[in-house]
Full PDB file with SEQRES, HELIX, SHEET, SSBOND, CRYST1, ORIGX, SCALE, CONECT and MASTER records, all heavy atoms in Angstrom:
SEQRES   1 A   36  SER ALA ALA LEU GLY LYS GLY TRP ARG LEU GLY PHE LEU          
SEQRES   2 A   36  GLY SER LEU HIS ALA SER VAL PHE LYS GLU ARG LEU GLU          
SEQRES   3 A   36  LYS GLU TYR GLY SER LYS LEU ILE ILE THR                      
HELIX    1 AA1 SER A   15  TYR A   29  1                                  15    
CRYST1    1.000    1.000    1.000  90.00  90.00  90.00 P 1           1          
ORIGX1      1.000000  0.000000  0.000000        0.00000                         
ORIGX2      0.000000  1.000000  0.000000        0.00000                         
ORIGX3      0.000000  0.000000  1.000000        0.00000                         
SCALE1      1.000000  0.000000  0.000000        0.00000                         
SCALE2      0.000000  1.000000  0.000000        0.00000                         
SCALE3      0.000000  0.000000  1.000000        0.00000                         
ATOM      1  N   SER A   1      80.014-337.399  98.211  1.00  0.00           N  
ATOM      2  CA  SER A   1      80.127-336.865  99.553  1.00  0.00           C  
ATOM      3  C   SER A   1      80.126-335.332  99.454  1.00  0.00           C  
ATOM      4  O   SER A   1      80.706-334.735  98.543  1.00  0.00           O  
ATOM      5  CB  SER A   1      81.428-337.287 100.210  1.00  0.00           C  
ATOM      6  OG  SER A   1      81.848-336.471 101.284  1.00  0.00           O  
ATOM      7  N   ALA A   2      79.436-334.672 100.419  1.00  0.00           N  
ATOM      8  CA  ALA A   2      79.397-333.232 100.371  1.00  0.00           C  
ATOM      9  C   ALA A   2      80.766-332.602 100.704  1.00  0.00           C  
ATOM     10  O   ALA A   2      81.053-331.570 100.164  1.00  0.00           O  
ATOM     11  CB  ALA A   2      78.426-332.731 101.477  1.00  0.00           C  
ATOM     12  N   ALA A   3      81.588-333.388 101.451  1.00  0.00           N  
ATOM     13  CA  ALA A   3      82.892-332.908 101.761  1.00  0.00           C  
ATOM     14  C   ALA A   3      83.964-333.183 100.694  1.00  0.00           C  
ATOM     15  O   ALA A   3      84.830-332.428 100.376  1.00  0.00           O  
ATOM     16  CB  ALA A   3      83.352-333.514 103.124  1.00  0.00           C  
ATOM     17  N   LEU A   4      83.867-334.492 100.108  1.00  0.00           N  
ATOM     18  CA  LEU A   4      85.053-334.952  99.262  1.00  0.00           C  
ATOM     19  C   LEU A   4      84.541-335.073  97.734  1.00  0.00           C  
ATOM     20  O   LEU A   4      85.367-335.419  96.902  1.00  0.00           O  
ATOM     21  CB  LEU A   4      85.475-336.282  99.756  1.00  0.00           C  
ATOM     22  CG  LEU A   4      86.117-336.230 101.191  1.00  0.00           C  
ATOM     23  CD1 LEU A   4      86.469-337.622 101.585  1.00  0.00           C  
ATOM     24  CD2 LEU A   4      87.390-335.368 101.174  1.00  0.00           C  
ATOM     25  N   GLY A   5      83.326-334.851  97.416  1.00  0.00           N  
ATOM     26  CA  GLY A   5      82.859-334.858  96.067  1.00  0.00           C  
ATOM     27  C   GLY A   5      82.487-336.258  95.569  1.00  0.00           C  
ATOM     28  O   GLY A   5      82.088-337.158  96.364  1.00  0.00           O  
ATOM     29  N   LYS A   6      82.668-336.484  94.287  1.00  0.00           N  
ATOM     30  CA  LYS A   6      82.295-337.779  93.689  1.00  0.00           C  
ATOM     31  C   LYS A   6      83.352-338.850  94.096  1.00  0.00           C  
ATOM     32  O   LYS A   6      84.533-338.621  93.936  1.00  0.00           O  
ATOM     33  CB  LYS A   6      82.172-337.687  92.187  1.00  0.00           C  
ATOM     34  CG  LYS A   6      80.940-336.897  91.667  1.00  0.00           C  
ATOM     35  CD  LYS A   6      80.649-337.053  90.274  1.00  0.00           C  
ATOM     36  CE  LYS A   6      81.733-336.557  89.384  1.00  0.00           C  
ATOM     37  NZ  LYS A   6      81.407-336.693  87.898  1.00  0.00           N  
ATOM     38  N   GLY A   7      82.847-340.048  94.298  1.00  0.00           N  
ATOM     39  CA  GLY A   7      83.751-341.169  94.656  1.00  0.00           C  
ATOM     40  C   GLY A   7      83.028-342.452  94.592  1.00  0.00           C  
ATOM     41  O   GLY A   7      82.056-342.668  93.801  1.00  0.00           O  
ATOM     42  N   TRP A   8      83.525-343.440  95.351  1.00  0.00           N  
ATOM     43  CA  TRP A   8      83.035-344.793  95.342  1.00  0.00           C  
ATOM     44  C   TRP A   8      82.860-345.397  96.758  1.00  0.00           C  
ATOM     45  O   TRP A   8      83.526-344.994  97.688  1.00  0.00           O  
ATOM     46  CB  TRP A   8      83.938-345.719  94.580  1.00  0.00           C  
ATOM     47  CG  TRP A   8      84.360-345.179  93.149  1.00  0.00           C  
ATOM     48  CD1 TRP A   8      83.698-345.485  91.986  1.00  0.00           C  
ATOM     49  CD2 TRP A   8      85.341-344.281  92.856  1.00  0.00           C  
ATOM     50  NE1 TRP A   8      84.313-344.788  91.015  1.00  0.00           N  
ATOM     51  CE2 TRP A   8      85.275-344.111  91.557  1.00  0.00           C  
ATOM     52  CE3 TRP A   8      86.295-343.652  93.633  1.00  0.00           C  
ATOM     53  CZ2 TRP A   8      86.251-343.232  90.879  1.00  0.00           C  
ATOM     54  CZ3 TRP A   8      87.231-342.782  93.053  1.00  0.00           C  
ATOM     55  CH2 TRP A   8      87.190-342.571  91.592  1.00  0.00           C  
ATOM     56  N   ARG A   9      81.861-346.258  96.907  1.00  0.00           N  
ATOM     57  CA  ARG A   9      81.719-347.104  98.086  1.00  0.00           C  
ATOM     58  C   ARG A   9      82.262-348.511  97.756  1.00  0.00           C  
ATOM     59  O   ARG A   9      81.723-349.162  97.006  1.00  0.00           O  
ATOM     60  CB  ARG A   9      80.269-347.112  98.595  1.00  0.00           C  
ATOM     61  CG  ARG A   9      80.018-347.987  99.759  1.00  0.00           C  
ATOM     62  CD  ARG A   9      80.664-347.627 101.085  1.00  0.00           C  
ATOM     63  NE  ARG A   9      80.641-346.173 101.456  1.00  0.00           N  
ATOM     64  CZ  ARG A   9      81.087-345.773 102.599  1.00  0.00           C  
ATOM     65  NH1 ARG A   9      81.544-346.667 103.528  1.00  0.00           N  
ATOM     66  NH2 ARG A   9      81.139-344.498 102.857  1.00  0.00           N  
ATOM     67  N   LEU A  10      83.431-348.845  98.278  1.00  0.00           N  
ATOM     68  CA  LEU A  10      84.106-350.119  97.999  1.00  0.00           C  
ATOM     69  C   LEU A  10      83.918-351.126  99.180  1.00  0.00           C  
ATOM     70  O   LEU A  10      84.093-350.732 100.326  1.00  0.00           O  
ATOM     71  CB  LEU A  10      85.604-349.908  97.770  1.00  0.00           C  
ATOM     72  CG  LEU A  10      86.016-348.884  96.642  1.00  0.00           C  
ATOM     73  CD1 LEU A  10      87.518-348.652  96.625  1.00  0.00           C  
ATOM     74  CD2 LEU A  10      85.572-349.591  95.292  1.00  0.00           C  
ATOM     75  N   GLY A  11      83.551-352.331  98.850  1.00  0.00           N  
ATOM     76  CA  GLY A  11      83.420-353.388  99.844  1.00  0.00           C  
ATOM     77  C   GLY A  11      84.523-354.434  99.699  1.00  0.00           C  
ATOM     78  O   GLY A  11      84.842-354.890  98.590  1.00  0.00           O  
ATOM     79  N   PHE A  12      85.106-354.886 100.839  1.00  0.00           N  
ATOM     80  CA  PHE A  12      86.276-355.833 100.887  1.00  0.00           C  
ATOM     81  C   PHE A  12      85.912-356.959 101.928  1.00  0.00           C  
ATOM     82  O   PHE A  12      84.984-356.850 102.700  1.00  0.00           O  
ATOM     83  CB  PHE A  12      87.504-355.091 101.233  1.00  0.00           C  
ATOM     84  CG  PHE A  12      87.921-353.959 100.286  1.00  0.00           C  
ATOM     85  CD1 PHE A  12      87.575-352.662 100.583  1.00  0.00           C  
ATOM     86  CD2 PHE A  12      88.558-354.302  99.141  1.00  0.00           C  
ATOM     87  CE1 PHE A  12      87.931-351.601  99.782  1.00  0.00           C  
ATOM     88  CE2 PHE A  12      88.963-353.186  98.339  1.00  0.00           C  
ATOM     89  CZ  PHE A  12      88.667-351.878  98.668  1.00  0.00           C  
ATOM     90  N   LEU A  13      86.680-358.089 101.718  1.00  0.00           N  
ATOM     91  CA  LEU A  13      86.514-359.154 102.600  1.00  0.00           C  
ATOM     92  C   LEU A  13      87.189-358.899 103.943  1.00  0.00           C  
ATOM     93  O   LEU A  13      86.976-359.657 104.903  1.00  0.00           O  
ATOM     94  CB  LEU A  13      87.127-360.404 101.959  1.00  0.00           C  
ATOM     95  CG  LEU A  13      86.388-360.848 100.711  1.00  0.00           C  
ATOM     96  CD1 LEU A  13      87.082-362.126 100.190  1.00  0.00           C  
ATOM     97  CD2 LEU A  13      84.901-361.062 100.912  1.00  0.00           C  
ATOM     98  N   GLY A  14      88.094-357.884 104.075  1.00  0.00           N  
ATOM     99  CA  GLY A  14      88.772-357.580 105.268  1.00  0.00           C  
ATOM    100  C   GLY A  14      89.594-356.298 105.173  1.00  0.00           C  
ATOM    101  O   GLY A  14      89.759-355.830 104.008  1.00  0.00           O  
ATOM    102  N   SER A  15      90.224-355.974 106.304  1.00  0.00           N  
ATOM    103  CA  SER A  15      90.941-354.695 106.224  1.00  0.00           C  
ATOM    104  C   SER A  15      92.312-354.787 105.447  1.00  0.00           C  
ATOM    105  O   SER A  15      92.764-353.830 104.772  1.00  0.00           O  
ATOM    106  CB  SER A  15      91.243-354.170 107.689  1.00  0.00           C  
ATOM    107  OG  SER A  15      91.823-355.160 108.466  1.00  0.00           O  
ATOM    108  N   LEU A  16      92.931-355.959 105.542  1.00  0.00           N  
ATOM    109  CA  LEU A  16      94.201-356.158 104.740  1.00  0.00           C  
ATOM    110  C   LEU A  16      93.827-356.032 103.245  1.00  0.00           C  
ATOM    111  O   LEU A  16      94.509-355.617 102.434  1.00  0.00           O  
ATOM    112  CB  LEU A  16      94.748-357.448 105.070  1.00  0.00           C  
ATOM    113  CG  LEU A  16      96.033-357.932 104.297  1.00  0.00           C  
ATOM    114  CD1 LEU A  16      97.192-356.807 104.406  1.00  0.00           C  
ATOM    115  CD2 LEU A  16      96.554-359.264 104.572  1.00  0.00           C  
ATOM    116  N   HIS A  17      92.703-356.653 102.920  1.00  0.00           N  
ATOM    117  CA  HIS A  17      92.177-356.697 101.504  1.00  0.00           C  
ATOM    118  C   HIS A  17      92.026-355.268 101.000  1.00  0.00           C  
ATOM    119  O   HIS A  17      92.476-354.939  99.932  1.00  0.00           O  
ATOM    120  CB  HIS A  17      90.875-357.451 101.478  1.00  0.00           C  
ATOM    121  CG  HIS A  17      90.344-357.755 100.007  1.00  0.00           C  
ATOM    122  ND1 HIS A  17      89.002-358.081  99.770  1.00  0.00           N  
ATOM    123  CD2 HIS A  17      90.941-357.648  98.879  1.00  0.00           C  
ATOM    124  CE1 HIS A  17      88.925-358.198  98.509  1.00  0.00           C  
ATOM    125  NE2 HIS A  17      90.053-358.031  97.958  1.00  0.00           N  
ATOM    126  N   ALA A  18      91.458-354.437 101.800  1.00  0.00           N  
ATOM    127  CA  ALA A  18      91.232-353.002 101.489  1.00  0.00           C  
ATOM    128  C   ALA A  18      92.647-352.293 101.387  1.00  0.00           C  
ATOM    129  O   ALA A  18      92.860-351.568 100.433  1.00  0.00           O  
ATOM    130  CB  ALA A  18      90.437-352.312 102.531  1.00  0.00           C  
ATOM    131  N   SER A  19      93.482-352.582 102.267  1.00  0.00           N  
ATOM    132  CA  SER A  19      94.883-351.871 102.141  1.00  0.00           C  
ATOM    133  C   SER A  19      95.677-352.314 100.919  1.00  0.00           C  
ATOM    134  O   SER A  19      96.295-351.457 100.313  1.00  0.00           O  
ATOM    135  CB  SER A  19      95.659-352.313 103.440  1.00  0.00           C  
ATOM    136  OG  SER A  19      96.963-351.882 103.412  1.00  0.00           O  
ATOM    137  N   VAL A  20      95.627-353.653 100.590  1.00  0.00           N  
ATOM    138  CA  VAL A  20      96.244-354.125  99.430  1.00  0.00           C  
ATOM    139  C   VAL A  20      95.662-353.521  98.069  1.00  0.00           C  
ATOM    140  O   VAL A  20      96.382-353.131  97.182  1.00  0.00           O  
ATOM    141  CB  VAL A  20      96.194-355.642  99.326  1.00  0.00           C  
ATOM    142  CG1 VAL A  20      96.540-356.139  98.046  1.00  0.00           C  
ATOM    143  CG2 VAL A  20      97.182-356.183 100.387  1.00  0.00           C  
ATOM    144  N   PHE A  21      94.403-353.463  98.083  1.00  0.00           N  
ATOM    145  CA  PHE A  21      93.616-352.862  96.863  1.00  0.00           C  
ATOM    146  C   PHE A  21      94.085-351.463  96.653  1.00  0.00           C  
ATOM    147  O   PHE A  21      94.406-351.040  95.568  1.00  0.00           O  
ATOM    148  CB  PHE A  21      92.184-352.912  97.140  1.00  0.00           C  
ATOM    149  CG  PHE A  21      91.333-352.486  95.829  1.00  0.00           C  
ATOM    150  CD1 PHE A  21      91.019-353.429  94.978  1.00  0.00           C  
ATOM    151  CD2 PHE A  21      90.988-351.160  95.709  1.00  0.00           C  
ATOM    152  CE1 PHE A  21      90.284-353.062  93.773  1.00  0.00           C  
ATOM    153  CE2 PHE A  21      90.258-350.784  94.569  1.00  0.00           C  
ATOM    154  CZ  PHE A  21      89.847-351.692  93.586  1.00  0.00           C  
ATOM    155  N   LYS A  22      94.122-350.597  97.731  1.00  0.00           N  
ATOM    156  CA  LYS A  22      94.498-349.172  97.618  1.00  0.00           C  
ATOM    157  C   LYS A  22      95.994-349.163  97.125  1.00  0.00           C  
ATOM    158  O   LYS A  22      96.353-348.331  96.295  1.00  0.00           O  
ATOM    159  CB  LYS A  22      94.464-348.511  98.999  1.00  0.00           C  
ATOM    160  CG  LYS A  22      94.920-347.096  99.005  1.00  0.00           C  
ATOM    161  CD  LYS A  22      94.694-346.474 100.360  1.00  0.00           C  
ATOM    162  CE  LYS A  22      95.086-345.007 100.440  1.00  0.00           C  
ATOM    163  NZ  LYS A  22      96.514-344.842 100.344  1.00  0.00           N  
ATOM    164  N   GLU A  23      96.842-349.973  97.742  1.00  0.00           N  
ATOM    165  CA  GLU A  23      98.318-349.955  97.298  1.00  0.00           C  
ATOM    166  C   GLU A  23      98.471-350.408  95.873  1.00  0.00           C  
ATOM    167  O   GLU A  23      99.293-349.815  95.101  1.00  0.00           O  
ATOM    168  CB  GLU A  23      99.053-350.957  98.282  1.00  0.00           C  
ATOM    169  CG  GLU A  23     100.557-350.690  98.216  1.00  0.00           C  
ATOM    170  CD  GLU A  23     101.244-351.512  99.306  1.00  0.00           C  
ATOM    171  OE1 GLU A  23     100.633-351.760 100.346  1.00  0.00           O  
ATOM    172  OE2 GLU A  23     102.419-351.812  99.081  1.00  0.00           O  
ATOM    173  N   ARG A  24      97.705-351.414  95.409  1.00  0.00           N  
ATOM    174  CA  ARG A  24      97.793-351.851  93.952  1.00  0.00           C  
ATOM    175  C   ARG A  24      97.351-350.692  93.076  1.00  0.00           C  
ATOM    176  O   ARG A  24      97.921-350.535  92.027  1.00  0.00           O  
ATOM    177  CB  ARG A  24      96.889-353.133  93.719  1.00  0.00           C  
ATOM    178  CG  ARG A  24      97.496-354.343  94.356  1.00  0.00           C  
ATOM    179  CD  ARG A  24      96.719-355.599  93.860  1.00  0.00           C  
ATOM    180  NE  ARG A  24      96.763-355.707  92.376  1.00  0.00           N  
ATOM    181  CZ  ARG A  24      96.083-356.587  91.749  1.00  0.00           C  
ATOM    182  NH1 ARG A  24      95.157-357.292  92.344  1.00  0.00           N  
ATOM    183  NH2 ARG A  24      96.301-356.696  90.418  1.00  0.00           N  
ATOM    184  N   LEU A  25      96.314-350.033  93.445  1.00  0.00           N  
ATOM    185  CA  LEU A  25      95.772-348.940  92.626  1.00  0.00           C  
ATOM    186  C   LEU A  25      96.801-347.857  92.433  1.00  0.00           C  
ATOM    187  O   LEU A  25      97.040-347.317  91.407  1.00  0.00           O  
ATOM    188  CB  LEU A  25      94.483-348.339  93.209  1.00  0.00           C  
ATOM    189  CG  LEU A  25      93.686-347.415  92.322  1.00  0.00           C  
ATOM    190  CD1 LEU A  25      93.079-348.261  91.155  1.00  0.00           C  
ATOM    191  CD2 LEU A  25      92.478-346.891  93.137  1.00  0.00           C  
ATOM    192  N   GLU A  26      97.518-347.559  93.516  1.00  0.00           N  
ATOM    193  CA  GLU A  26      98.606-346.496  93.440  1.00  0.00           C  
ATOM    194  C   GLU A  26      99.831-346.970  92.677  1.00  0.00           C  
ATOM    195  O   GLU A  26     100.397-346.179  91.880  1.00  0.00           O  
ATOM    196  CB  GLU A  26      98.973-346.160  94.921  1.00  0.00           C  
ATOM    197  CG  GLU A  26      97.799-345.329  95.735  1.00  0.00           C  
ATOM    198  CD  GLU A  26      98.178-345.115  97.117  1.00  0.00           C  
ATOM    199  OE1 GLU A  26      99.132-345.654  97.594  1.00  0.00           O  
ATOM    200  OE2 GLU A  26      97.416-344.318  97.750  1.00  0.00           O  
ATOM    201  N   LYS A  27     100.221-348.146  92.907  1.00  0.00           N  
ATOM    202  CA  LYS A  27     101.483-348.710  92.272  1.00  0.00           C  
ATOM    203  C   LYS A  27     101.264-349.023  90.815  1.00  0.00           C  
ATOM    204  O   LYS A  27     102.130-348.796  90.034  1.00  0.00           O  
ATOM    205  CB  LYS A  27     102.012-349.854  93.092  1.00  0.00           C  
ATOM    206  CG  LYS A  27     102.650-349.482  94.445  1.00  0.00           C  
ATOM    207  CD  LYS A  27     103.223-350.661  95.129  1.00  0.00           C  
ATOM    208  CE  LYS A  27     103.753-350.322  96.514  1.00  0.00           C  
ATOM    209  NZ  LYS A  27     104.840-349.321  96.461  1.00  0.00           N  
ATOM    210  N   GLU A  28     100.161-349.713  90.499  1.00  0.00           N  
ATOM    211  CA  GLU A  28      99.898-350.192  89.152  1.00  0.00           C  
ATOM    212  C   GLU A  28      99.346-349.223  88.257  1.00  0.00           C  
ATOM    213  O   GLU A  28      99.509-349.215  87.082  1.00  0.00           O  
ATOM    214  CB  GLU A  28      99.078-351.472  89.220  1.00  0.00           C  
ATOM    215  CG  GLU A  28      99.667-352.607  89.927  1.00  0.00           C  
ATOM    216  CD  GLU A  28      98.772-353.840  90.086  1.00  0.00           C  
ATOM    217  OE1 GLU A  28      97.931-354.009  89.159  1.00  0.00           O  
ATOM    218  OE2 GLU A  28      98.928-354.593  91.006  1.00  0.00           O  
ATOM    219  N   TYR A  29      98.626-348.150  88.769  1.00  0.00           N  
ATOM    220  CA  TYR A  29      97.933-347.193  87.917  1.00  0.00           C  
ATOM    221  C   TYR A  29      98.295-345.754  88.217  1.00  0.00           C  
ATOM    222  O   TYR A  29      97.875-344.809  87.554  1.00  0.00           O  
ATOM    223  CB  TYR A  29      96.398-347.336  88.025  1.00  0.00           C  
ATOM    224  CG  TYR A  29      95.897-348.680  87.538  1.00  0.00           C  
ATOM    225  CD1 TYR A  29      95.734-349.805  88.359  1.00  0.00           C  
ATOM    226  CD2 TYR A  29      95.604-348.790  86.169  1.00  0.00           C  
ATOM    227  CE1 TYR A  29      95.251-350.978  87.855  1.00  0.00           C  
ATOM    228  CE2 TYR A  29      95.187-350.154  85.554  1.00  0.00           C  
ATOM    229  CZ  TYR A  29      95.002-351.173  86.494  1.00  0.00           C  
ATOM    230  OH  TYR A  29      94.538-352.280  85.984  1.00  0.00           O  
ATOM    231  N   GLY A  30      99.018-345.546  89.344  1.00  0.00           N  
ATOM    232  CA  GLY A  30      99.439-344.179  89.670  1.00  0.00           C  
ATOM    233  C   GLY A  30      98.323-343.291  90.244  1.00  0.00           C  
ATOM    234  O   GLY A  30      98.374-342.196  90.184  1.00  0.00           O  
ATOM    235  N   SER A  31      97.201-343.927  90.668  1.00  0.00           N  
ATOM    236  CA  SER A  31      96.090-343.259  91.166  1.00  0.00           C  
ATOM    237  C   SER A  31      96.162-342.949  92.663  1.00  0.00           C  
ATOM    238  O   SER A  31      96.701-343.774  93.418  1.00  0.00           O  
ATOM    239  CB  SER A  31      94.782-343.995  90.960  1.00  0.00           C  
ATOM    240  OG  SER A  31      94.612-344.253  89.618  1.00  0.00           O  
ATOM    241  N   LYS A  32      95.854-341.774  93.138  1.00  0.00           N  
ATOM    242  CA  LYS A  32      95.990-341.345  94.507  1.00  0.00           C  
ATOM    243  C   LYS A  32      94.551-341.227  95.148  1.00  0.00           C  
ATOM    244  O   LYS A  32      93.683-340.451  94.491  1.00  0.00           O  
ATOM    245  CB  LYS A  32      96.707-340.028  94.648  1.00  0.00           C  
ATOM    246  CG  LYS A  32      98.156-339.990  94.134  1.00  0.00           C  
ATOM    247  CD  LYS A  32      99.030-340.980  95.073  1.00  0.00           C  
ATOM    248  CE  LYS A  32     100.489-340.973  94.678  1.00  0.00           C  
ATOM    249  NZ  LYS A  32     101.217-342.008  95.436  1.00  0.00           N  
ATOM    250  N   LEU A  33      94.334-341.938  96.194  1.00  0.00           N  
ATOM    251  CA  LEU A  33      92.946-342.037  96.723  1.00  0.00           C  
ATOM    252  C   LEU A  33      92.939-341.412  98.171  1.00  0.00           C  
ATOM    253  O   LEU A  33      93.943-341.473  98.975  1.00  0.00           O  
ATOM    254  CB  LEU A  33      92.441-343.372  96.864  1.00  0.00           C  
ATOM    255  CG  LEU A  33      91.918-344.117  95.554  1.00  0.00           C  
ATOM    256  CD1 LEU A  33      91.609-345.528  96.006  1.00  0.00           C  
ATOM    257  CD2 LEU A  33      90.709-343.375  95.119  1.00  0.00           C  
ATOM    258  N   ILE A  34      91.826-340.839  98.561  1.00  0.00           N  
ATOM    259  CA  ILE A  34      91.565-340.590  99.965  1.00  0.00           C  
ATOM    260  C   ILE A  34      90.598-341.693 100.411  1.00  0.00           C  
ATOM    261  O   ILE A  34      89.518-341.888  99.847  1.00  0.00           O  
ATOM    262  CB  ILE A  34      90.853-339.218 100.095  1.00  0.00           C  
ATOM    263  CG1 ILE A  34      91.826-338.088  99.711  1.00  0.00           C  
ATOM    264  CG2 ILE A  34      90.374-339.019 101.566  1.00  0.00           C  
ATOM    265  CD1 ILE A  34      91.148-336.785  99.800  1.00  0.00           C  
ATOM    266  N   ILE A  35      90.992-342.521 101.385  1.00  0.00           N  
ATOM    267  CA  ILE A  35      90.120-343.595 101.932  1.00  0.00           C  
ATOM    268  C   ILE A  35      89.581-343.255 103.241  1.00  0.00           C  
ATOM    269  O   ILE A  35      90.281-342.840 104.155  1.00  0.00           O  
ATOM    270  CB  ILE A  35      91.002-344.912 102.009  1.00  0.00           C  
ATOM    271  CG1 ILE A  35      91.522-345.242 100.692  1.00  0.00           C  
ATOM    272  CG2 ILE A  35      90.184-346.011 102.630  1.00  0.00           C  
ATOM    273  CD1 ILE A  35      90.480-345.841  99.706  1.00  0.00           C  
ATOM    274  N   THR A  36      88.235-343.336 103.368  1.00  0.00           N  
ATOM    275  CA  THR A  36      87.609-343.044 104.700  1.00  0.00           C  
ATOM    276  C   THR A  36      87.854-344.176 105.616  1.00  0.00           C  
ATOM    277  O   THR A  36      88.294-345.226 105.211  1.00  0.00           O  
ATOM    278  CB  THR A  36      86.123-342.769 104.516  1.00  0.00           C  
ATOM    279  OG1 THR A  36      85.511-343.994 104.104  1.00  0.00           O  
ATOM    280  CG2 THR A  36      85.785-341.643 103.564  1.00  0.00           C  
TER     281      THR A  36                                                      
MASTER        0    0    0    1    0    0    0    6  280    1    0    3          
END                                                                             
């Protein structure tokens, strides 16, 4: 992204699925994400 730099395009089965994935990434690996 020109605004946010290098990142990923992630595909999920639903919005809860996306929310849980972000939360697991933060809690299990300590990673902080900006999610569009």
